[in-house]
Amino acid sequence: MILYVKVKPNQRFDRVEKSANDWQIRLKAPAVDGKANEHLIEYLSEVLDLPKSKIILKKGQTAKVKCLEIFAEEELVNAKLAEQLKSEK
């Protein structure tokens, strides 16, 4: 599945948020030397309970909106993100 997320680096904590129909992810990692991109994949692998190799950053290496290819069912990914969203509130 293809997932577009808006990433906000340099935050106090890692967090999944939803605004309208878009997913937004806050990351502790700075947007320097690809650290935020690496941390995004690590964080999503934990949230989605998938190995990091199943999540690929396709587009947006230097942009706020990232295009990720996730090798999993769309329903599973959306359910795991929603579950994480509820657990953080």
Protein backbone atom coordinates (compact mmCIF):
# COMPACT_ATOMS: atom_id res chain seq x y z
CA MET A 1 0.00 0.00 0.00
CA ILE A 2 1.07 3.59 -0.56
CA LEU A 3 0.77 5.90 2.47
CA TYR A 4 1.28 9.66 2.46
CA VAL A 5 2.15 11.19 5.83
CA LYS A 6 3.08 14.69 6.91
CA VAL A 7 6.12 14.61 9.18
CA LYS A 8 6.96 17.19 11.84
CA PRO A 9 10.53 16.68 13.14
CA ASN A 10 12.14 18.19 16.28
CA GLN A 11 9.16 17.52 18.53
CA ARG A 12 9.21 16.58 22.22
CA PHE A 13 7.85 13.11 21.57
CA ASP A 14 6.90 10.68 18.82
CA ARG A 15 3.19 10.74 18.08
CA VAL A 16 0.63 9.79 15.45
CA GLU A 17 -2.09 12.34 14.68
CA LYS A 18 -4.95 12.55 12.22
CA SER A 19 -6.15 15.78 10.62
CA ALA A 20 -9.10 15.51 8.27
CA ASN A 21 -8.21 12.46 6.14
CA ASP A 22 -4.44 12.85 6.44
CA TRP A 23 -2.02 11.14 8.81
CA GLN A 24 0.52 13.33 10.55
CA ILE A 25 3.51 12.04 12.53
CA ARG A 26 5.51 14.03 15.05
CA LEU A 27 9.08 12.83 15.54
CA LYS A 28 11.75 13.58 18.14
CA ALA A 29 14.51 13.24 15.56
CA PRO A 30 15.91 16.35 13.86
CA ALA A 31 15.59 16.89 10.12
CA VAL A 32 19.36 16.68 9.64
CA ASP A 33 21.28 14.16 7.50
CA GLY A 34 18.23 11.95 7.05
CA LYS A 35 17.85 11.25 10.78
CA ALA A 36 14.13 12.08 10.73
CA ASN A 37 13.57 9.73 7.78
CA GLU A 38 15.40 6.89 9.53
CA HIS A 39 13.49 7.52 12.75
CA LEU A 40 10.19 7.66 10.84
CA ILE A 41 10.76 4.17 9.47
CA GLU A 42 11.84 2.85 12.89
CA TYR A 43 8.82 4.41 14.60
CA LEU A 44 6.36 3.15 11.99
CA SER A 45 7.83 -0.35 12.17
CA GLU A 46 7.11 -0.34 15.92
CA VAL A 47 3.61 1.09 15.51
CA LEU A 48 2.65 -1.22 12.65
CA ASP A 49 4.46 -4.22 14.13
CA LEU A 50 6.32 -4.79 10.86
CA PRO A 51 10.02 -5.21 10.10
CA LYS A 52 11.75 -2.04 8.85
CA SER A 53 12.42 -3.77 5.54
CA LYS A 54 8.65 -3.75 4.84
CA ILE A 55 8.55 0.09 4.91
CA ILE A 56 10.21 2.02 2.08
CA LEU A 57 10.43 5.79 1.69
CA LYS A 58 9.55 6.29 -1.99
CA LYS A 59 9.31 10.08 -2.26
CA GLY A 60 9.83 13.13 -0.09
CA GLN A 61 13.31 12.59 1.32
CA THR A 62 13.61 16.34 1.96
CA ALA A 63 9.91 17.27 1.99
CA LYS A 64 7.44 17.39 4.87
CA VAL A 65 5.01 15.10 3.08
CA LYS A 66 6.46 11.62 2.66
CA CYS A 67 5.31 8.87 0.34
CA LEU A 68 5.85 5.46 1.94
CA GLU A 69 5.37 2.05 0.42
CA ILE A 70 4.27 -0.38 3.11
CA PHE A 71 4.13 -4.08 2.35
CA ALA A 72 0.97 -4.84 4.35
CA GLU A 73 -2.81 -4.75 3.98
CA GLU A 74 -4.30 -1.24 3.92
CA GLU A 75 -6.89 -2.21 6.57
CA LEU A 76 -4.13 -3.45 8.90
CA VAL A 77 -2.08 -0.27 8.51
CA ASN A 78 -5.05 2.05 9.09
CA ALA A 79 -6.21 -0.04 12.08
CA LYS A 80 -2.73 0.03 13.70
CA LEU A 81 -2.37 3.79 13.15
CA ALA A 82 -5.85 4.40 14.62
CA GLU A 83 -5.01 2.16 17.58
CA GLN A 84 -1.82 4.15 18.20
CA LEU A 85 -3.78 7.39 17.90
CA LYS A 86 -6.23 6.25 20.61
CA SER A 87 -3.50 4.98 22.95
CA GLU A 88 -1.66 8.33 22.88
CA LYS A 89 -4.65 10.39 23.98
